Amino acid sequence: MKLSALIKPGKVHQVDHRIFEFTIQLDFHDQVKYGTVITNLINRINEYLKARSLLDYNHEIQDTKVILRFTRLDDARMFMLSFSDVLETQGFKYV
C-alpha cells in the first residue's frame, strides 16, 4: 500500500534553517499502521515545546501536517539537536 503522506510518519522534515514539518493525519489504513508512531512524535514535540517556554516560534496546521517556524536560529538548532534521530533533510546539510 502506498503511503498517503508526503512526510514519513514519525519523521520531522527540515524545510529551511528555521522551518520544520511533520505529519499529524493519515488516511485510515496508514493510521492503523503508523498511528502510534505519529502520536509518539506529537507528544515528544509537545513536551519539548512545553519544557522550553521561552522559545519564540509559531506553528500552522496545513492539511495533514504541522509547520513549525522558529524565530531565532539558536532555537531551531536546539530543536535539530533534540530531534536528530527523526530529522530528515533529504540530503541537504543545514550548516
PDB file of N, CA and C in Angstrom:
ATOM      1  N   MET A   1       0.841  -1.180   0.000  1.00  0.00           N
ATOM      2  CA  MET A   1       0.000   0.000   0.000  1.00  0.00           C
ATOM      3  C   MET A   1       0.887   1.246   0.000  1.00  0.00           C
ATOM      4  N   LYS A   2       0.532   2.209  -0.816  1.00  0.00           N
ATOM      5  CA  LYS A   2       1.298   3.443  -0.918  1.00  0.00           C
ATOM      6  C   LYS A   2       0.947   4.373   0.224  1.00  0.00           C
ATOM      7  N   LEU A   3       1.959   4.936   0.849  1.00  0.00           N
ATOM      8  CA  LEU A   3       1.760   5.865   1.954  1.00  0.00           C
ATOM      9  C   LEU A   3       1.179   7.165   1.417  1.00  0.00           C
ATOM     10  N   SER A   4       0.121   7.657   2.051  1.00  0.00           N
ATOM     11  CA  SER A   4      -0.572   8.841   1.542  1.00  0.00           C
ATOM     12  C   SER A   4       0.103  10.146   1.942  1.00  0.00           C
ATOM     13  N   ALA A   5       0.955  10.132   2.924  1.00  0.00           N
ATOM     14  CA  ALA A   5       1.590  11.365   3.392  1.00  0.00           C
ATOM     15  C   ALA A   5       2.886  11.609   2.630  1.00  0.00           C
ATOM     16  N   LEU A   6       3.236  12.860   2.454  1.00  0.00           N
ATOM     17  CA  LEU A   6       4.486  13.201   1.792  1.00  0.00           C
ATOM     18  C   LEU A   6       5.671  13.080   2.733  1.00  0.00           C
ATOM     19  N   ILE A   7       5.438  13.264   4.006  1.00  0.00           N
ATOM     20  CA  ILE A   7       6.484  13.145   5.015  1.00  0.00           C
ATOM     21  C   ILE A   7       6.307  11.792   5.688  1.00  0.00           C
ATOM     22  N   LYS A   8       7.387  11.054   5.858  1.00  0.00           N
ATOM     23  CA  LYS A   8       7.281   9.754   6.506  1.00  0.00           C
ATOM     24  C   LYS A   8       6.707   9.930   7.908  1.00  0.00           C
ATOM     25  N   PRO A   9       5.749   9.106   8.266  1.00  0.00           N
ATOM     26  CA  PRO A   9       5.182   9.187   9.623  1.00  0.00           C
ATOM     27  C   PRO A   9       6.266   8.969  10.678  1.00  0.00           C
ATOM     28  N   GLY A  10       6.245   9.815  11.696  1.00  0.00           N
ATOM     29  CA  GLY A  10       7.232   9.718  12.763  1.00  0.00           C
ATOM     30  C   GLY A  10       8.524  10.444  12.469  1.00  0.00           C
ATOM     31  N   LYS A  11       8.606  11.112  11.337  1.00  0.00           N
ATOM     32  CA  LYS A  11       9.799  11.863  10.952  1.00  0.00           C
ATOM     33  C   LYS A  11       9.484  13.349  10.915  1.00  0.00           C
ATOM     34  N   VAL A  12      10.503  14.153  11.141  1.00  0.00           N
ATOM     35  CA  VAL A  12      10.396  15.609  11.039  1.00  0.00           C
ATOM     36  C   VAL A  12      11.214  16.022   9.827  1.00  0.00           C
ATOM     37  N   HIS A  13      10.591  16.714   8.903  1.00  0.00           N
ATOM     38  CA  HIS A  13      11.278  17.174   7.699  1.00  0.00           C
ATOM     39  C   HIS A  13      11.735  18.606   7.909  1.00  0.00           C
ATOM     40  N   GLN A  14      13.029  18.834   7.730  1.00  0.00           N
ATOM     41  CA  GLN A  14      13.562  20.193   7.843  1.00  0.00           C
ATOM     42  C   GLN A  14      13.483  20.845   6.474  1.00  0.00           C
ATOM     43  N   VAL A  15      12.710  21.920   6.382  1.00  0.00           N
ATOM     44  CA  VAL A  15      12.475  22.615   5.120  1.00  0.00           C
ATOM     45  C   VAL A  15      13.521  23.693   4.907  1.00  0.00           C
ATOM     46  N   ASP A  16      13.893  24.353   5.982  1.00  0.00           N
ATOM     47  CA  ASP A  16      14.788  25.505   5.936  1.00  0.00           C
ATOM     48  C   ASP A  16      15.577  25.501   7.239  1.00  0.00           C
ATOM     49  N   HIS A  17      16.403  26.509   7.435  1.00  0.00           N
ATOM     50  CA  HIS A  17      17.173  26.600   8.672  1.00  0.00           C
ATOM     51  C   HIS A  17      16.275  26.708   9.901  1.00  0.00           C
ATOM     52  N   ARG A  18      15.097  27.285   9.735  1.00  0.00           N
ATOM     53  CA  ARG A  18      14.207  27.521  10.873  1.00  0.00           C
ATOM     54  C   ARG A  18      12.826  26.892  10.731  1.00  0.00           C
ATOM     55  N   ILE A  19      12.580  26.171   9.673  1.00  0.00           N
ATOM     56  CA  ILE A  19      11.241  25.635   9.407  1.00  0.00           C
ATOM     57  C   ILE A  19      11.270  24.111   9.368  1.00  0.00           C
ATOM     58  N   PHE A  20      10.324  23.507  10.096  1.00  0.00           N
ATOM     59  CA  PHE A  20      10.222  22.056  10.187  1.00  0.00           C
ATOM     60  C   PHE A  20       8.775  21.654   9.952  1.00  0.00           C
ATOM     61  N   GLU A  21       8.575  20.481   9.362  1.00  0.00           N
ATOM     62  CA  GLU A  21       7.239  19.961   9.107  1.00  0.00           C
ATOM     63  C   GLU A  21       7.143  18.529   9.613  1.00  0.00           C
ATOM     64  N   PHE A  22       5.965  18.137  10.062  1.00  0.00           N
ATOM     65  CA  PHE A  22       5.725  16.748  10.404  1.00  0.00           C
ATOM     66  C   PHE A  22       4.254  16.418  10.210  1.00  0.00           C
ATOM     67  N   THR A  23       3.996  15.163   9.897  1.00  0.00           N
ATOM     68  CA  THR A  23       2.639  14.682   9.605  1.00  0.00           C
ATOM     69  C   THR A  23       1.863  14.483  10.893  1.00  0.00           C
ATOM     70  N   ILE A  24       0.574  14.874  10.860  1.00  0.00           N
ATOM     71  CA  ILE A  24      -0.279  14.646  12.027  1.00  0.00           C
ATOM     72  C   ILE A  24      -1.519  13.824  11.685  1.00  0.00           C
ATOM     73  N   GLN A  25      -1.839  13.690  10.390  1.00  0.00           N
ATOM     74  CA  GLN A  25      -3.033  12.957   9.989  1.00  0.00           C
ATOM     75  C   GLN A  25      -2.729  12.059   8.809  1.00  0.00           C
ATOM     76  N   LEU A  26      -3.329  10.878   8.819  1.00  0.00           N
ATOM     77  CA  LEU A  26      -3.193   9.924   7.722  1.00  0.00           C
ATOM     78  C   LEU A  26      -4.565   9.377   7.366  1.00  0.00           C
ATOM     79  N   ASP A  27      -4.647   8.691   6.238  1.00  0.00           N
ATOM     80  CA  ASP A  27      -5.896   8.010   5.934  1.00  0.00           C
ATOM     81  C   ASP A  27      -6.045   6.803   6.866  1.00  0.00           C
ATOM     82  N   PHE A  28      -7.160   6.130   6.796  1.00  0.00           N
ATOM     83  CA  PHE A  28      -7.471   5.063   7.753  1.00  0.00           C
ATOM     84  C   PHE A  28      -6.413   3.963   7.757  1.00  0.00           C
ATOM     85  N   HIS A  29      -6.032   3.466   6.594  1.00  0.00           N
ATOM     86  CA  HIS A  29      -5.087   2.354   6.520  1.00  0.00           C
ATOM     87  C   HIS A  29      -3.713   2.729   7.076  1.00  0.00           C
ATOM     88  N   ASP A  30      -3.243   3.918   6.722  1.00  0.00           N
ATOM     89  CA  ASP A  30      -1.950   4.364   7.240  1.00  0.00           C
ATOM     90  C   ASP A  30      -2.031   4.685   8.728  1.00  0.00           C
ATOM     91  N   GLN A  31      -3.190   5.164   9.185  1.00  0.00           N
ATOM     92  CA  GLN A  31      -3.377   5.454  10.612  1.00  0.00           C
ATOM     93  C   GLN A  31      -3.257   4.178  11.433  1.00  0.00           C
ATOM     94  N   VAL A  32      -3.816   3.091  10.943  1.00  0.00           N
ATOM     95  CA  VAL A  32      -3.718   1.805  11.643  1.00  0.00           C
ATOM     96  C   VAL A  32      -2.253   1.379  11.724  1.00  0.00           C
ATOM     97  N   LYS A  33      -1.526   1.567  10.637  1.00  0.00           N
ATOM     98  CA  LYS A  33      -0.133   1.122  10.574  1.00  0.00           C
ATOM     99  C   LYS A  33       0.830   2.040  11.329  1.00  0.00           C
ATOM    100  N   TYR A  34       0.629   3.354  11.249  1.00  0.00           N
ATOM    101  CA  TYR A  34       1.593   4.318  11.782  1.00  0.00           C
ATOM    102  C   TYR A  34       1.055   5.191  12.912  1.00  0.00           C
ATOM    103  N   GLY A  35      -0.156   4.938  13.392  1.00  0.00           N
ATOM    104  CA  GLY A  35      -0.798   5.805  14.373  1.00  0.00           C
ATOM    105  C   GLY A  35       0.014   6.055  15.625  1.00  0.00           C
ATOM    106  N   THR A  36       0.581   5.012  16.214  1.00  0.00           N
ATOM    107  CA  THR A  36       1.349   5.201  17.454  1.00  0.00           C
ATOM    108  C   THR A  36       2.656   5.947  17.194  1.00  0.00           C
ATOM    109  N   VAL A  37       3.232   5.763  16.026  1.00  0.00           N
ATOM    110  CA  VAL A  37       4.471   6.478  15.686  1.00  0.00           C
ATOM    111  C   VAL A  37       4.214   7.979  15.642  1.00  0.00           C
ATOM    112  N   ILE A  38       3.118   8.367  15.002  1.00  0.00           N
ATOM    113  CA  ILE A  38       2.774   9.788  14.908  1.00  0.00           C
ATOM    114  C   ILE A  38       2.407  10.344  16.275  1.00  0.00           C
ATOM    115  N   THR A  39       1.619   9.602  17.036  1.00  0.00           N
ATOM    116  CA  THR A  39       1.229  10.049  18.376  1.00  0.00           C
ATOM    117  C   THR A  39       2.452  10.248  19.260  1.00  0.00           C
ATOM    118  N   ASN A  40       3.398   9.330  19.194  1.00  0.00           N
ATOM    119  CA  ASN A  40       4.621   9.455  19.993  1.00  0.00           C
ATOM    120  C   ASN A  40       5.419  10.696  19.600  1.00  0.00           C
ATOM    121  N   LEU A  41       5.517  10.960  18.294  1.00  0.00           N
ATOM    122  CA  LEU A  41       6.253  12.138  17.839  1.00  0.00           C
ATOM    123  C   LEU A  41       5.553  13.419  18.285  1.00  0.00           C
ATOM    124  N   ILE A  42       4.237  13.479  18.142  1.00  0.00           N
ATOM    125  CA  ILE A  42       3.488  14.668  18.556  1.00  0.00           C
ATOM    126  C   ILE A  42       3.652  14.909  20.057  1.00  0.00           C
ATOM    127  N   ASN A  43       3.552  13.867  20.853  1.00  0.00           N
ATOM    128  CA  ASN A  43       3.742  14.005  22.300  1.00  0.00           C
ATOM    129  C   ASN A  43       5.152  14.472  22.629  1.00  0.00           C
ATOM    130  N   ARG A  44       6.126  13.923  21.934  1.00  0.00           N
ATOM    131  CA  ARG A  44       7.530  14.315  22.172  1.00  0.00           C
ATOM    132  C   ARG A  44       7.756  15.790  21.831  1.00  0.00           C
ATOM    133  N   ILE A  45       7.195  16.246  20.716  1.00  0.00           N
ATOM    134  CA  ILE A  45       7.352  17.650  20.324  1.00  0.00           C
ATOM    135  C   ILE A  45       6.614  18.553  21.307  1.00  0.00           C
ATOM    136  N   ASN A  46       5.409  18.171  21.712  1.00  0.00           N
ATOM    137  CA  ASN A  46       4.662  18.965  22.692  1.00  0.00           C
ATOM    138  C   ASN A  46       5.422  19.090  24.004  1.00  0.00           C
ATOM    139  N   GLU A  47       6.000  18.006  24.484  1.00  0.00           N
ATOM    140  CA  GLU A  47       6.793  18.051  25.723  1.00  0.00           C
ATOM    141  C   GLU A  47       8.006  18.949  25.559  1.00  0.00           C
ATOM    142  N   TYR A  48       8.667  18.875  24.415  1.00  0.00           N
ATOM    143  CA  TYR A  48       9.833  19.712  24.148  1.00  0.00           C
ATOM    144  C   TYR A  48       9.451  21.190  24.186  1.00  0.00           C
ATOM    145  N   LEU A  49       8.372  21.547  23.488  1.00  0.00           N
ATOM    146  CA  LEU A  49       7.949  22.947  23.429  1.00  0.00           C
ATOM    147  C   LEU A  49       7.457  23.448  24.784  1.00  0.00           C
ATOM    148  N   LYS A  50       6.796  22.594  25.545  1.00  0.00           N
ATOM    149  CA  LYS A  50       6.314  22.991  26.871  1.00  0.00           C
ATOM    150  C   LYS A  50       7.478  23.194  27.846  1.00  0.00           C
ATOM    151  N   ALA A  51       8.490  22.356  27.761  1.00  0.00           N
ATOM    152  CA  ALA A  51       9.642  22.455  28.660  1.00  0.00           C
ATOM    153  C   ALA A  51      10.487  23.694  28.376  1.00  0.00           C
ATOM    154  N   ARG A  52      10.433  24.187  27.148  1.00  0.00           N
ATOM    155  CA  ARG A  52      11.203  25.362  26.758  1.00  0.00           C
ATOM    156  C   ARG A  52      10.249  26.502  26.453  1.00  0.00           C
ATOM    157  N   SER A  53       9.652  27.014  27.506  1.00  0.00           N
ATOM    158  CA  SER A  53       8.596  28.022  27.353  1.00  0.00           C
ATOM    159  C   SER A  53       9.096  29.350  26.784  1.00  0.00           C
ATOM    160  N   LEU A  54      10.391  29.587  26.789  1.00  0.00           N
ATOM    161  CA  LEU A  54      10.929  30.849  26.277  1.00  0.00           C
ATOM    162  C   LEU A  54      11.205  30.821  24.778  1.00  0.00           C
ATOM    163  N   LEU A  55      10.917  29.699  24.128  1.00  0.00           N
ATOM    164  CA  LEU A  55      11.137  29.612  22.687  1.00  0.00           C
ATOM    165  C   LEU A  55      10.230  30.589  21.951  1.00  0.00           C
ATOM    166  N   ASP A  56      10.773  31.189  20.909  1.00  0.00           N
ATOM    167  CA  ASP A  56       9.997  32.090  20.064  1.00  0.00           C
ATOM    168  C   ASP A  56       9.714  31.355  18.757  1.00  0.00           C
ATOM    169  N   TYR A  57       8.490  30.860  18.617  1.00  0.00           N
ATOM    170  CA  TYR A  57       8.112  30.082  17.444  1.00  0.00           C
ATOM    171  C   TYR A  57       6.634  30.294  17.148  1.00  0.00           C
ATOM    172  N   ASN A  58       6.242  29.894  15.965  1.00  0.00           N
ATOM    173  CA  ASN A  58       4.815  29.810  15.649  1.00  0.00           C
ATOM    174  C   ASN A  58       4.596  28.534  14.853  1.00  0.00           C
ATOM    175  N   HIS A  59       3.369  28.104  14.812  1.00  0.00           N
ATOM    176  CA  HIS A  59       3.041  26.892  14.070  1.00  0.00           C
ATOM    177  C   HIS A  59       1.736  27.092  13.317  1.00  0.00           C
ATOM    178  N   GLU A  60       1.597  26.306  12.273  1.00  0.00           N
ATOM    179  CA  GLU A  60       0.364  26.353  11.497  1.00  0.00           C
ATOM    180  C   GLU A  60       0.054  24.932  11.032  1.00  0.00           C
ATOM    181  N   ILE A  61      -1.204  24.615  11.038  1.00  0.00           N
ATOM    182  CA  ILE A  61      -1.641  23.307  10.559  1.00  0.00           C
ATOM    183  C   ILE A  61      -2.095  23.496   9.122  1.00  0.00           C
ATOM    184  N   GLN A  62      -1.486  22.714   8.242  1.00  0.00           N
ATOM    185  CA  GLN A  62      -1.787  22.829   6.820  1.00  0.00           C
ATOM    186  C   GLN A  62      -2.090  21.433   6.283  1.00  0.00           C
ATOM    187  N   ASP A  63      -3.339  21.189   5.965  1.00  0.00           N
ATOM    188  CA  ASP A  63      -3.814  19.881   5.510  1.00  0.00           C
ATOM    189  C   ASP A  63      -3.504  18.804   6.551  1.00  0.00           C
ATOM    190  N   THR A  64      -2.545  17.943   6.260  1.00  0.00           N
ATOM    191  CA  THR A  64      -2.245  16.816   7.152  1.00  0.00           C
ATOM    192  C   THR A  64      -0.939  16.994   7.905  1.00  0.00           C
ATOM    193  N   LYS A  65      -0.386  18.188   7.885  1.00  0.00           N
ATOM    194  CA  LYS A  65       0.907  18.392   8.545  1.00  0.00           C
ATOM    195  C   LYS A  65       0.932  19.678   9.359  1.00  0.00           C
ATOM    196  N   VAL A  66       1.901  19.732  10.250  1.00  0.00           N
ATOM    197  CA  VAL A  66       2.154  20.927  11.055  1.00  0.00           C
ATOM    198  C   VAL A  66       3.447  21.549  10.535  1.00  0.00           C
ATOM    199  N   ILE A  67       3.436  22.858  10.389  1.00  0.00           N
ATOM    200  CA  ILE A  67       4.629  23.602  10.003  1.00  0.00           C
ATOM    201  C   ILE A  67       5.055  24.408  11.222  1.00  0.00           C
ATOM    202  N   LEU A  68       6.249  24.155  11.683  1.00  0.00           N
ATOM    203  CA  LEU A  68       6.799  24.786  12.879  1.00  0.00           C
ATOM    204  C   LEU A  68       7.912  25.729  12.452  1.00  0.00           C
ATOM    205  N   ARG A  69       7.765  27.022  12.782  1.00  0.00           N
ATOM    206  CA  ARG A  69       8.754  28.042  12.401  1.00  0.00           C
ATOM    207  C   ARG A  69       9.344  28.681  13.649  1.00  0.00           C
ATOM    208  N   PHE A  70      10.650  28.624  13.759  1.00  0.00           N
ATOM    209  CA  PHE A  70      11.351  29.262  14.870  1.00  0.00           C
ATOM    210  C   PHE A  70      11.832  30.631  14.428  1.00  0.00           C
ATOM    211  N   THR A  71      11.727  31.608  15.315  1.00  0.00           N
ATOM    212  CA  THR A  71      12.166  32.964  15.000  1.00  0.00           C
ATOM    213  C   THR A  71      13.686  33.061  15.073  1.00  0.00           C
ATOM    214  N   ARG A  72      14.256  32.457  16.100  1.00  0.00           N
ATOM    215  CA  ARG A  72      15.710  32.526  16.290  1.00  0.00           C
ATOM    216  C   ARG A  72      16.386  31.255  15.786  1.00  0.00           C
ATOM    217  N   LEU A  73      17.502  31.431  15.136  1.00  0.00           N
ATOM    218  CA  LEU A  73      18.267  30.310  14.606  1.00  0.00           C
ATOM    219  C   LEU A  73      18.751  29.390  15.726  1.00  0.00           C
ATOM    220  N   ASP A  74      19.117  29.950  16.875  1.00  0.00           N
ATOM    221  CA  ASP A  74      19.569  29.138  18.014  1.00  0.00           C
ATOM    222  C   ASP A  74      18.486  28.172  18.476  1.00  0.00           C
ATOM    223  N   ASP A  75      17.255  28.638  18.507  1.00  0.00           N
ATOM    224  CA  ASP A  75      16.141  27.768  18.902  1.00  0.00           C
ATOM    225  C   ASP A  75      15.944  26.640  17.890  1.00  0.00           C
ATOM    226  N   ALA A  76      16.070  26.965  16.608  1.00  0.00           N
ATOM    227  CA  ALA A  76      15.928  25.951  15.564  1.00  0.00           C
ATOM    228  C   ALA A  76      17.049  24.913  15.655  1.00  0.00           C
ATOM    229  N   ARG A  77      18.236  25.359  15.953  1.00  0.00           N
ATOM    230  CA  ARG A  77      19.370  24.418  16.079  1.00  0.00           C
ATOM    231  C   ARG A  77      19.201  23.498  17.282  1.00  0.00           C
ATOM    232  N   MET A  78      18.691  24.010  18.379  1.00  0.00           N
ATOM    233  CA  MET A  78      18.429  23.159  19.545  1.00  0.00           C
ATOM    234  C   MET A  78      17.347  22.129  19.213  1.00  0.00           C
ATOM    235  N   PHE A  79      16.348  22.545  18.456  1.00  0.00           N
ATOM    236  CA  PHE A  79      15.318  21.610  18.012  1.00  0.00           C
ATOM    237  C   PHE A  79      15.941  20.533  17.135  1.00  0.00           C
ATOM    238  N   MET A  80      16.823  20.937  16.231  1.00  0.00           N
ATOM    239  CA  MET A  80      17.512  19.976  15.364  1.00  0.00           C
ATOM    240  C   MET A  80      18.288  18.950  16.187  1.00  0.00           C
ATOM    241  N   LEU A  81      18.995  19.414  17.180  1.00  0.00           N
ATOM    242  CA  LEU A  81      19.775  18.501  18.017  1.00  0.00           C
ATOM    243  C   LEU A  81      18.882  17.561  18.809  1.00  0.00           C
ATOM    244  N   SER A  82      17.794  18.079  19.329  1.00  0.00           N
ATOM    245  CA  SER A  82      16.891  17.269  20.144  1.00  0.00           C
ATOM    246  C   SER A  82      16.157  16.212  19.325  1.00  0.00           C
ATOM    247  N   PHE A  83      15.938  16.486  18.059  1.00  0.00           N
ATOM    248  CA  PHE A  83      15.175  15.565  17.214  1.00  0.00           C
ATOM    249  C   PHE A  83      16.029  14.996  16.079  1.00  0.00           C
ATOM    250  N   SER A  84      17.328  14.938  16.282  1.00  0.00           N
ATOM    251  CA  SER A  84      18.217  14.444  15.232  1.00  0.00           C
ATOM    252  C   SER A  84      17.934  12.989  14.849  1.00  0.00           C
ATOM    253  N   ASP A  85      17.380  12.212  15.764  1.00  0.00           N
ATOM    254  CA  ASP A  85      17.084  10.808  15.462  1.00  0.00           C
ATOM    255  C   ASP A  85      15.902  10.643  14.508  1.00  0.00           C
ATOM    256  N   VAL A  86      15.059  11.646  14.382  1.00  0.00           N
ATOM    257  CA  VAL A  86      13.899  11.561  13.490  1.00  0.00           C
ATOM    258  C   VAL A  86      13.904  12.664  12.433  1.00  0.00           C
ATOM    259  N   LEU A  87      14.992  13.403  12.337  1.00  0.00           N
ATOM    260  CA  LEU A  87      15.074  14.539  11.419  1.00  0.00           C
ATOM    261  C   LEU A  87      15.506  14.080  10.032  1.00  0.00           C
ATOM    262  N   GLU A  88      14.798  14.554   9.020  1.00  0.00           N
ATOM    263  CA  GLU A  88      15.145  14.279   7.628  1.00  0.00           C
ATOM    264  C   GLU A  88      15.379  15.596   6.904  1.00  0.00           C
ATOM    265  N   THR A  89      16.461  15.655   6.134  1.00  0.00           N
ATOM    266  CA  THR A  89      16.771  16.852   5.373  1.00  0.00           C
ATOM    267  C   THR A  89      16.794  16.589   3.878  1.00  0.00           C
ATOM    268  N   GLN A  90      16.506  15.381   3.474  1.00  0.00           N
ATOM    269  CA  GLN A  90      16.552  14.949   2.079  1.00  0.00           C
ATOM    270  C   GLN A  90      17.917  15.221   1.462  1.00  0.00           C
ATOM    271  N   GLY A  91      18.962  14.981   2.228  1.00  0.00           N
ATOM    272  CA  GLY A  91      20.327  15.103   1.732  1.00  0.00           C
ATOM    273  C   GLY A  91      20.943  16.489   1.824  1.00  0.00           C
ATOM    274  N   PHE A  92      20.142  17.493   2.147  1.00  0.00           N
ATOM    275  CA  PHE A  92      20.664  18.858   2.243  1.00  0.00           C
ATOM    276  C   PHE A  92      21.235  19.069   3.635  1.00  0.00           C
ATOM    277  N   LYS A  93      22.417  19.680   3.715  1.00  0.00           N
ATOM    278  CA  LYS A  93      23.048  19.928   5.010  1.00  0.00           C
ATOM    279  C   LYS A  93      22.852  21.375   5.412  1.00  0.00           C
ATOM    280  N   TYR A  94      22.175  21.562   6.549  1.00  0.00           N
ATOM    281  CA  TYR A  94      21.948  22.907   7.078  1.00  0.00           C
ATOM    282  C   TYR A  94      23.068  23.192   8.064  1.00  0.00           C
ATOM    283  N   VAL A  95      23.998  24.009   7.648  1.00  0.00           N
ATOM    284  CA  VAL A  95      25.164  24.302   8.480  1.00  0.00           C
ATOM    285  C   VAL A  95      25.054  25.664   9.092  1.00  0.00           C
TER     286      VAL A  95
END
